[in-house]
Amino acid sequence: MSKVVLKDVEKVYPNGFKAVHGINLEVEDGEFMVLVGPSGCAKSTTLRMIAGLEEISGGTISIGDKAVNDIPPKDREIAMVFQNYALYPHMTVYENMGFSLKMKKTPKNITDEKVREAAKILDIEDLLDRKPKELSGGQRQRVAVGRAIVRAPKVFLFDEPLSNLDAKLRVHMRVQLSQLHQRLKSTMIYVTHDQVEAMTMGDRICVMNLGKIMQVDTPLNVYQYPANKFVAGFIGSPPMNFMEGEVIEINNDIKIKIKEVKLKLPLDKSRNLKNYVGKKIWFGIRPEDINIGNSNEENSIKGKIEVIEFMGNEAFIYSKIGNDQFISRTDFLGAKDLKNGSECFFSINMDKCHIFDYDSGKNISLWLKN
């Protein structure tokens, strides 16, 4: 079993700065878990505590059925892949990949078998006699992953391994790492600031901010049912639109008032908001849920188009209602006749909207997951 459990884990530095605030997380055996968040959210610190490279200040970390707080990194049965590859420049690819086994005095025939098997998995068999300086960035990263594979660890830890690669190569390596996980069926914990990597690679993703866990769920659930305003704004590209609004009640209908526009909420979202009537809230809607509309539609707003970005078969329309800017996402045909500076009515899909508490940011419109 290679389940990883963090229970009430904290990290406090000698100067008193608290980097990690009592987090709880369970990574199942064979799961690909992604820790994602902005720079400084303590995702890499959390990974390094799992690896044993950072001491924990409180709580317990378990790998399998064993607490590893006092176990040194080399005995935790983990392998870590770093952002900077950390290859020995004077060694060949073969020697780099087999180095950890050599240090353990593993018989040469077993080392050779494991290195060549890992090289075959990663399609780098023809690179084994080369030095790191003769490799591309993507090839070096595959060697670093291969060095981890030969150790046959219980858990793979990846610390932003693709951040030094160009965009095209990142996509390629992203697919390769996902295929590697499917093949090895090992527990993998992957740190990134790139929400696209998180959404495409993880079985589940753990969104972090300021040393706290904001939400843990499948990528689709995090996107469709964000627990709070931070998650809603961080996950999604372009990001979710937010506008200040007020909850009002007219003839027993709960509505959201934005500027002078009154948007009617569907029943499943309004039933939680009776206690919010008269209060300020944050109204959230994703760009793909704002469509070109007309003045006769019930839930429509009038905005002034500022910029239209054509992205091949789709377009992003940046508009303003008052001082609030919002982005709508539509296909090419829906945007081709629009002009910068013109006014247009936009239809809001209120079934897909989110209402957030103005102070706490909690998503108060979620009462069940369909």
Protein backbone atom coordinates (compact mmCIF):
# COMPACT_ATOMS: atom_id res chain seq x y z
CA MET A 1 0.00 0.00 0.00
CA SER A 2 1.31 3.46 -0.86
CA LYS A 3 -1.42 5.69 0.50
CA VAL A 4 -0.13 9.07 1.72
CA VAL A 5 -1.89 10.77 4.63
CA LEU A 6 -1.23 14.24 6.04
CA LYS A 7 -2.94 14.89 9.36
CA ASP A 8 -2.89 18.39 10.91
CA VAL A 9 0.47 19.09 9.25
CA GLU A 10 2.05 22.46 10.02
CA LYS A 11 5.23 24.26 9.05
CA VAL A 12 6.48 27.15 11.17
CA TYR A 13 9.86 28.70 10.45
CA PRO A 14 12.25 29.88 13.21
CA ASN A 15 11.26 33.51 12.61
CA GLY A 16 7.68 32.59 13.52
CA PHE A 17 6.28 32.64 9.98
CA LYS A 18 3.61 29.96 9.60
CA ALA A 19 3.82 28.60 6.06
CA VAL A 20 1.46 25.62 6.38
CA HIS A 21 -1.67 25.77 8.53
CA GLY A 22 -2.67 22.35 9.87
CA ILE A 23 -3.58 20.73 6.55
CA ASN A 24 -5.31 17.37 6.17
CA LEU A 25 -5.02 15.39 2.95
CA GLU A 26 -5.36 11.75 1.92
CA VAL A 27 -3.80 10.55 -1.34
CA GLU A 28 -5.10 7.11 -2.23
CA ASP A 29 -2.93 4.20 -3.34
CA GLY A 30 -2.26 4.59 -7.08
CA GLU A 31 -3.80 8.06 -7.27
CA PHE A 32 -2.40 10.99 -9.26
CA MET A 33 -2.88 13.97 -6.93
CA VAL A 34 -1.99 17.48 -8.08
CA LEU A 35 -1.22 20.28 -5.62
CA VAL A 36 -1.95 23.53 -7.42
CA GLY A 37 -1.95 27.16 -6.38
CA PRO A 38 -0.20 30.50 -6.91
CA SER A 39 3.43 31.12 -6.03
CA GLY A 40 3.94 31.21 -2.27
CA CYS A 41 0.94 29.04 -1.37
CA ALA A 42 3.22 26.38 0.25
CA LYS A 43 2.55 23.60 -2.26
CA SER A 44 6.28 22.89 -2.76
CA THR A 45 6.88 23.15 0.98
CA THR A 46 4.16 20.55 1.51
CA LEU A 47 5.78 18.24 -1.06
CA ARG A 48 9.19 18.67 0.54
CA MET A 49 7.72 17.76 3.94
CA ILE A 50 6.33 14.55 2.43
CA ALA A 51 9.79 13.85 1.01
CA GLY A 52 11.49 14.59 4.33
CA LEU A 53 13.48 17.51 2.91
CA GLU A 54 11.64 19.93 5.23
CA GLU A 55 10.97 19.21 8.89
CA ILE A 56 7.34 19.44 9.93
CA SER A 57 6.41 21.59 12.91
CA GLY A 58 3.29 19.68 13.84
CA GLY A 59 1.03 16.85 12.78
CA THR A 60 1.77 13.50 11.16
CA ILE A 61 2.74 12.33 7.68
CA SER A 62 2.17 8.65 6.86
CA ILE A 63 3.24 6.67 3.81
CA GLY A 64 1.53 3.32 3.63
CA ASP A 65 0.72 2.28 7.17
CA LYS A 66 3.79 3.93 8.69
CA ALA A 67 4.30 7.43 10.13
CA VAL A 68 7.43 8.89 8.54
CA ASN A 69 7.96 12.05 10.62
CA ASP A 70 11.27 10.78 11.98
CA ILE A 71 12.34 8.69 8.99
CA PRO A 72 15.09 10.20 6.78
CA PRO A 73 14.30 10.87 3.10
CA LYS A 74 16.38 7.97 1.79
CA ASP A 75 14.32 5.49 3.80
CA ARG A 76 10.85 6.81 2.91
CA GLU A 77 10.62 4.80 -0.34
CA ILE A 78 9.88 7.91 -2.36
CA ALA A 79 11.47 9.35 -5.49
CA MET A 80 11.43 13.05 -6.29
CA VAL A 81 11.69 14.76 -9.68
CA PHE A 82 12.77 18.39 -9.49
CA GLN A 83 12.22 21.42 -11.69
CA ASN A 84 15.93 21.71 -12.55
CA TYR A 85 16.47 18.00 -13.44
CA ALA A 86 19.49 17.72 -11.06
CA LEU A 87 21.47 15.45 -13.41
CA TYR A 88 25.19 14.81 -12.89
CA PRO A 89 26.88 16.55 -15.86
CA HIS A 90 29.91 14.23 -15.95
CA MET A 91 27.80 11.05 -16.10
CA THR A 92 26.05 9.49 -19.06
CA VAL A 93 22.28 9.06 -19.11
CA TYR A 94 22.79 5.40 -18.21
CA GLU A 95 25.01 6.29 -15.25
CA ASN A 96 22.63 9.01 -14.04
CA MET A 97 19.66 6.65 -14.11
CA GLY A 98 21.51 3.85 -12.33
CA PHE A 99 23.34 5.98 -9.76
CA SER A 100 20.97 5.40 -6.85
CA LEU A 101 21.10 1.64 -7.39
CA LYS A 102 24.90 1.78 -7.52
CA MET A 103 24.92 3.56 -4.16
CA LYS A 104 22.79 0.73 -2.75
CA LYS A 105 25.32 -1.76 -4.15
CA THR A 106 22.63 -3.35 -6.33
CA PRO A 107 24.08 -6.13 -8.55
CA LYS A 108 25.10 -4.81 -11.97
CA ASN A 109 22.81 -7.16 -13.89
CA ILE A 110 19.75 -5.97 -11.93
CA THR A 111 20.77 -2.31 -12.34
CA ASP A 112 21.20 -2.83 -16.07
CA GLU A 113 17.80 -4.49 -16.35
CA LYS A 114 16.03 -1.71 -14.44
CA VAL A 115 17.76 1.13 -16.31
CA ARG A 116 16.99 -0.35 -19.72
CA GLU A 117 13.39 -1.10 -18.75
CA ALA A 118 12.88 2.51 -17.61
CA ALA A 119 14.58 3.81 -20.75
CA LYS A 120 12.21 1.72 -22.87
CA ILE A 121 9.15 3.06 -21.03
CA LEU A 122 10.33 6.65 -21.62
CA ASP A 123 11.58 6.07 -25.18
CA ILE A 124 15.13 7.18 -24.41
CA GLU A 125 16.97 3.93 -25.19
CA ASP A 126 19.06 5.67 -27.87
CA LEU A 127 20.20 8.35 -25.39
CA LEU A 128 21.83 6.11 -22.77
CA ASP A 129 25.42 6.89 -23.83
CA ARG A 130 24.95 10.66 -24.03
CA LYS A 131 25.86 13.29 -21.43
CA PRO A 132 23.23 15.77 -20.14
CA LYS A 133 24.73 18.67 -22.14
CA GLU A 134 23.92 16.77 -25.34
CA LEU A 135 20.21 16.52 -24.48
CA SER A 136 17.24 18.83 -25.02
CA GLY A 137 15.19 20.06 -22.06
CA GLY A 138 12.50 17.45 -22.65
CA GLN A 139 15.07 14.66 -22.89
CA ARG A 140 16.73 15.76 -19.64
CA GLN A 141 13.37 15.74 -17.91
CA ARG A 142 12.68 12.20 -19.12
CA VAL A 143 16.06 11.11 -17.78
CA ALA A 144 15.18 12.64 -14.41
CA VAL A 145 11.88 10.72 -14.44
CA GLY A 146 13.73 7.55 -15.47
CA ARG A 147 16.11 7.95 -12.54
CA ALA A 148 13.04 7.96 -10.28
CA ILE A 149 11.47 4.92 -11.98
CA VAL A 150 14.50 2.65 -11.49
CA ARG A 151 14.19 3.07 -7.73
CA ALA A 152 10.71 1.47 -7.83
CA PRO A 153 9.46 3.85 -5.11
CA LYS A 154 6.15 3.62 -3.31
CA VAL A 155 5.44 7.26 -4.14
CA PHE A 156 6.60 9.58 -6.93
CA LEU A 157 6.89 13.28 -6.05
CA PHE A 158 7.08 15.89 -8.82
CA ASP A 159 8.00 19.50 -8.03
CA GLU A 160 7.02 21.67 -11.03
CA PRO A 161 8.93 19.36 -13.42
CA LEU A 162 7.73 21.01 -16.64
CA SER A 163 8.07 24.69 -15.78
CA ASN A 164 11.44 25.08 -17.57
CA LEU A 165 10.12 23.66 -20.86
CA ASP A 166 8.58 25.62 -23.73
CA ALA A 167 4.81 25.49 -24.24
CA LYS A 168 4.79 22.82 -26.97
CA LEU A 169 7.15 20.54 -25.06
CA ARG A 170 5.13 20.98 -21.86
CA VAL A 171 2.04 19.61 -23.61
CA HIS A 172 4.04 16.63 -24.92
CA MET A 173 5.57 15.83 -21.51
CA ARG A 174 2.19 16.28 -19.82
CA VAL A 175 0.77 13.49 -21.96
CA GLN A 176 3.84 11.31 -21.36
CA LEU A 177 3.57 11.65 -17.58
CA SER A 178 -0.14 10.79 -17.68
CA GLN A 179 0.65 7.71 -19.77
CA LEU A 180 3.43 6.80 -17.34
CA HIS A 181 0.98 6.92 -14.44
CA GLN A 182 -1.48 4.70 -16.29
CA ARG A 183 1.30 2.20 -16.96
CA LEU A 184 2.94 2.13 -13.52
CA LYS A 185 -0.27 2.63 -11.48
CA SER A 186 1.90 4.21 -8.78
CA THR A 187 0.95 6.90 -6.29
CA MET A 188 2.04 10.26 -7.69
CA ILE A 189 1.90 13.71 -6.09
CA TYR A 190 2.54 16.54 -8.51
CA VAL A 191 3.08 20.23 -7.71
CA THR A 192 2.35 22.96 -10.25
CA HIS A 193 1.19 26.57 -10.48
CA ASP A 194 -0.28 25.80 -13.91
CA GLN A 195 -4.00 25.06 -13.60
CA VAL A 196 -4.06 23.53 -17.11
CA GLU A 197 -1.58 20.87 -15.94
CA ALA A 198 -3.69 20.30 -12.85
CA MET A 199 -6.95 19.95 -14.76
CA THR A 200 -5.56 17.60 -17.41
CA MET A 201 -3.35 15.32 -15.31
CA GLY A 202 -4.85 14.86 -11.86
CA ASP A 203 -7.30 12.20 -10.71
CA ARG A 204 -8.00 14.81 -8.04
CA ILE A 205 -6.59 18.25 -7.48
CA CYS A 206 -5.84 20.01 -4.22
CA VAL A 207 -6.12 23.79 -4.57
CA MET A 208 -3.96 25.66 -2.06
CA ASN A 209 -3.61 29.29 -1.02
CA LEU A 210 -1.59 30.92 1.76
CA GLY A 211 -0.65 27.56 3.28
CA LYS A 212 -4.22 26.29 3.47
CA ILE A 213 -6.22 23.79 1.42
CA MET A 214 -9.08 25.53 -0.36
CA GLN A 215 -10.68 22.46 -1.99
CA VAL A 216 -9.88 18.86 -2.90
CA ASP A 217 -11.95 17.17 -5.60
CA THR A 218 -11.88 15.89 -9.17
CA PRO A 219 -10.91 18.47 -11.79
CA LEU A 220 -14.46 18.60 -13.17
CA ASN A 221 -16.04 19.10 -9.74
CA VAL A 222 -13.56 21.82 -8.82
CA TYR A 223 -14.40 23.61 -12.08
CA GLN A 224 -18.17 23.19 -11.88
CA TYR A 225 -18.63 23.41 -8.11
CA PRO A 226 -15.90 25.69 -6.68
CA ALA A 227 -16.08 25.79 -2.90
CA ASN A 228 -15.17 29.46 -2.68
CA LYS A 229 -14.34 32.59 -4.66
CA PHE A 230 -10.60 31.90 -4.65
CA VAL A 231 -10.99 28.48 -6.29
CA ALA A 232 -13.54 29.85 -8.76
CA GLY A 233 -11.15 32.60 -9.82
CA PHE A 234 -8.01 30.46 -9.93
CA ILE A 235 -9.36 27.49 -11.87
CA GLY A 236 -10.47 28.29 -15.41
CA SER A 237 -8.95 30.11 -18.37
CA PRO A 238 -10.16 32.77 -18.94
CA PRO A 239 -11.09 33.06 -15.26
CA MET A 240 -14.59 33.32 -13.85
CA ASN A 241 -16.16 36.77 -13.98
CA PHE A 242 -17.01 38.42 -10.64
CA MET A 243 -19.35 41.36 -10.08
CA GLU A 244 -20.56 42.96 -6.87
CA GLY A 245 -24.28 42.48 -6.41
CA GLU A 246 -27.12 42.41 -3.91
CA VAL A 247 -29.66 39.70 -3.14
CA ILE A 248 -33.20 41.06 -3.47
CA GLU A 249 -36.69 39.54 -3.34
CA ILE A 250 -39.49 40.60 -5.71
CA ASN A 251 -42.87 38.82 -5.57
CA ASN A 252 -41.30 35.84 -3.79
CA ASP A 253 -38.62 35.54 -6.49
CA ILE A 254 -35.00 35.75 -5.35
CA LYS A 255 -32.97 37.91 -7.72
CA ILE A 256 -29.47 39.30 -7.97
CA LYS A 257 -29.22 43.03 -8.55
CA ILE A 258 -26.11 44.19 -10.43
CA LYS A 259 -26.12 47.92 -11.11
CA GLU A 260 -29.73 48.42 -12.29
CA VAL A 261 -30.06 44.92 -13.75
CA LYS A 262 -32.10 42.29 -11.90
CA LEU A 263 -31.21 38.67 -12.68
CA LYS A 264 -33.62 35.91 -11.63
CA LEU A 265 -32.12 32.90 -9.88
CA PRO A 266 -33.38 29.36 -10.56
CA LEU A 267 -35.04 27.65 -7.60
CA ASP A 268 -32.17 25.30 -6.79
CA LYS A 269 -29.80 28.24 -6.30
CA SER A 270 -32.22 30.63 -4.61
CA ARG A 271 -33.35 28.35 -1.78
CA ASN A 272 -30.09 28.96 0.11
CA LEU A 273 -30.29 32.72 -0.26
CA LYS A 274 -33.39 33.72 1.73
CA ASN A 275 -31.17 34.79 4.61
CA TYR A 276 -29.07 36.92 2.26
CA VAL A 277 -31.88 39.20 1.05
CA GLY A 278 -30.65 42.79 1.34
CA LYS A 279 -27.01 41.76 1.63
CA LYS A 280 -24.07 42.30 -0.70
CA ILE A 281 -22.65 39.25 -2.47
CA TRP A 282 -20.23 38.37 -5.25
CA PHE A 283 -21.89 37.14 -8.43
CA GLY A 284 -19.77 34.70 -10.46
CA ILE A 285 -20.26 33.44 -14.00
CA ARG A 286 -17.84 31.69 -16.35
CA PRO A 287 -17.13 33.24 -19.78
CA GLU A 288 -18.72 30.33 -21.67
CA ASP A 289 -21.99 30.91 -19.80
CA ILE A 290 -22.39 34.45 -21.18
CA ASN A 291 -23.81 34.49 -24.71
CA ILE A 292 -24.77 37.14 -27.21
CA GLY A 293 -28.43 37.94 -26.43
CA ASN A 294 -31.09 40.58 -26.91
CA SER A 295 -33.03 43.06 -24.80
CA ASN A 296 -36.12 40.83 -24.62
CA GLU A 297 -34.44 38.05 -22.68
CA GLU A 298 -35.14 37.87 -18.95
CA ASN A 299 -31.57 37.50 -17.73
CA SER A 300 -29.61 39.80 -20.01
CA ILE A 301 -27.23 42.67 -19.38
CA LYS A 302 -26.13 45.48 -21.65
CA GLY A 303 -22.41 45.91 -21.98
CA LYS A 304 -19.97 47.95 -24.03
CA ILE A 305 -17.50 45.86 -26.03
CA GLU A 306 -13.90 46.94 -25.45
CA VAL A 307 -11.78 44.24 -27.10
CA ILE A 308 -12.49 41.11 -29.13
CA GLU A 309 -9.78 38.43 -29.23
CA PHE A 310 -10.19 35.90 -32.03
CA MET A 311 -8.56 32.57 -31.15
CA GLY A 312 -9.20 30.56 -34.30
CA ASN A 313 -12.57 28.87 -33.92
CA GLU A 314 -13.59 30.88 -30.85
CA ALA A 315 -13.43 34.42 -29.52
CA PHE A 316 -13.07 36.14 -26.15
CA ILE A 317 -15.15 39.32 -25.84
CA TYR A 318 -14.02 41.82 -23.17
CA SER A 319 -16.89 44.13 -22.22
CA LYS A 320 -17.89 46.52 -19.45
CA ILE A 321 -21.07 47.11 -17.47
CA GLY A 322 -20.40 50.29 -15.51
CA ASN A 323 -16.90 49.87 -14.09
CA ASP A 324 -17.08 46.06 -14.06
CA GLN A 325 -15.27 44.26 -16.85
CA PHE A 326 -16.41 40.79 -17.86
CA ILE A 327 -15.30 38.24 -20.44
CA SER A 328 -17.62 36.18 -22.61
CA ARG A 329 -16.51 33.21 -24.67
CA THR A 330 -18.24 32.39 -27.94
CA ASP A 331 -17.58 30.73 -31.29
CA PHE A 332 -16.16 32.61 -34.24
CA LEU A 333 -19.52 32.99 -35.98
CA GLY A 334 -21.09 34.54 -32.87
CA ALA A 335 -18.45 37.26 -32.71
CA LYS A 336 -17.42 37.99 -36.29
CA ASP A 337 -19.94 40.83 -36.80
CA LEU A 338 -19.30 42.53 -33.44
CA LYS A 339 -17.27 45.74 -33.25
CA ASN A 340 -15.04 47.24 -30.58
CA GLY A 341 -16.79 50.15 -28.88
CA SER A 342 -20.30 48.96 -29.73
CA GLU A 343 -22.98 48.10 -27.17
CA CYS A 344 -24.48 44.64 -27.02
CA PHE A 345 -26.89 42.62 -24.90
CA PHE A 346 -25.45 39.52 -23.25
CA SER A 347 -27.56 36.61 -22.01
CA ILE A 348 -26.53 35.13 -18.64
CA ASN A 349 -27.07 31.40 -18.07
CA MET A 350 -28.30 31.66 -14.49
CA ASP A 351 -28.32 27.86 -14.10
CA LYS A 352 -24.53 28.06 -14.19
CA CYS A 353 -23.99 31.12 -11.98
CA HIS A 354 -22.37 31.08 -8.53
CA ILE A 355 -23.10 33.30 -5.54
CA PHE A 356 -20.32 33.92 -3.03
CA ASP A 357 -20.50 35.36 0.47
CA TYR A 358 -19.16 38.91 0.24
CA ASP A 359 -16.82 38.60 3.25
CA SER A 360 -15.81 34.92 3.49
CA GLY A 361 -15.93 34.10 -0.22
CA LYS A 362 -17.80 30.84 0.47
CA ASN A 363 -19.95 29.57 -2.40
CA ILE A 364 -23.42 29.91 -0.89
CA SER A 365 -25.30 28.85 -4.02
CA LEU A 366 -24.15 25.22 -3.82
CA TRP A 367 -26.72 23.05 -2.11
CA LEU A 368 -26.14 19.82 -4.02
CA LYS A 369 -24.04 18.46 -6.84
CA ASN A 370 -26.13 17.36 -9.78
